[in-house]
């Protein structure tokens, strides 16, 4: 009995960041590094980098987005 590897969908566009891969087809257990541009962080995290993985159900384990840092008020004297 042969089992074919599940394929994950193409990576969605990532505003303010990039996927660190040149691959366009992804199968179960493939992983992709995600990096947010300078001044942006992964939504809900304090980091700019993460790795997502293609799961055995043919879906990515998470969908990541990059958002800008909230600027704090800086007082200079």
Protein backbone atom coordinates (compact mmCIF):
# COMPACT_ATOMS: atom_id res chain seq x y z
CA UNK A 1 0.00 0.00 0.00
CA UNK A 2 1.47 3.33 -0.98
CA UNK A 3 0.75 6.53 0.90
CA UNK A 4 1.21 9.83 -0.87
CA UNK A 5 2.53 12.78 1.11
CA UNK A 6 -0.04 15.45 1.85
CA UNK A 7 0.66 18.72 0.09
CA UNK A 8 0.12 22.07 1.83
CA UNK A 9 -1.29 25.05 -0.06
CA UNK A 10 0.98 27.74 -1.45
CA UNK A 11 2.19 30.26 1.09
CA UNK A 12 -0.09 33.31 1.31
CA UNK A 13 1.39 36.76 0.68
CA UNK A 14 3.21 38.09 3.76
CA UNK A 15 2.99 41.87 4.11
CA UNK A 16 6.03 43.42 5.82
CA UNK A 17 7.94 40.16 5.84
CA UNK A 18 9.23 37.25 3.81
CA UNK A 19 9.39 33.49 3.67
CA UNK A 20 12.97 32.27 3.62
CA UNK A 21 12.53 29.64 0.90
CA UNK A 22 12.64 29.37 -2.86
CA UNK A 23 10.40 26.29 -2.89
CA UNK A 24 6.88 26.60 -4.25
CA UNK A 25 5.51 23.14 -3.40
CA UNK A 26 5.37 21.87 0.19
CA UNK A 27 4.57 18.45 1.62
CA UNK A 28 4.08 16.94 5.07
CA UNK A 29 7.01 17.74 7.41
CA UNK A 30 8.38 20.52 5.18
CA UNK A 31 9.11 23.67 7.14
CA UNK A 32 9.58 27.29 6.15
CA UNK A 33 11.23 30.10 8.09
CA UNK A 34 9.25 33.33 8.36
CA UNK A 35 11.01 36.66 8.89
CA UNK A 36 9.44 40.08 9.50
CA UNK A 37 11.08 43.22 8.13
CA UNK A 38 12.87 45.68 10.43
CA UNK A 39 10.39 47.44 12.70
CA UNK A 40 7.83 44.62 12.45
CA UNK A 41 7.11 41.67 14.73
CA UNK A 42 5.09 38.50 14.35
CA UNK A 43 1.54 39.19 15.52
CA UNK A 44 1.11 38.06 19.11
CA UNK A 45 4.84 37.51 19.64
CA UNK A 46 7.86 39.59 20.55
CA UNK A 47 10.02 38.01 17.86
CA UNK A 48 10.65 38.68 14.19
CA UNK A 49 11.34 35.07 13.17
CA UNK A 50 9.49 31.77 13.35
CA UNK A 51 9.14 28.49 11.51
CA UNK A 52 5.91 27.05 10.15
CA UNK A 53 5.46 23.39 9.25
CA UNK A 54 3.27 21.49 6.80
CA UNK A 55 1.18 19.04 8.83
CA UNK A 56 -0.08 15.58 7.94
CA UNK A 57 -3.57 17.01 7.27
CA UNK A 58 -2.21 19.15 4.40
CA UNK A 59 -2.41 22.43 6.32
CA UNK A 60 0.21 24.77 7.74
CA UNK A 61 0.47 24.54 11.54
CA UNK A 62 -0.15 28.30 11.80
CA UNK A 63 -0.68 31.42 9.74
CA UNK A 64 1.68 34.23 10.68
CA UNK A 65 1.45 37.95 10.03
CA UNK A 66 3.87 40.80 10.65
CA UNK A 67 2.70 43.98 12.34
CA UNK A 68 4.45 47.22 13.14
CA UNK A 69 5.77 47.96 16.60
CA UNK A 70 3.53 50.25 18.54
CA UNK A 71 5.44 53.43 18.95
CA UNK A 72 5.78 54.68 22.47
CA UNK A 73 6.02 58.33 23.35
CA UNK A 74 9.62 59.41 23.68
CA UNK A 75 10.36 62.57 25.63
CA UNK A 76 13.64 64.34 25.07
CA UNK A 77 14.95 67.15 27.22
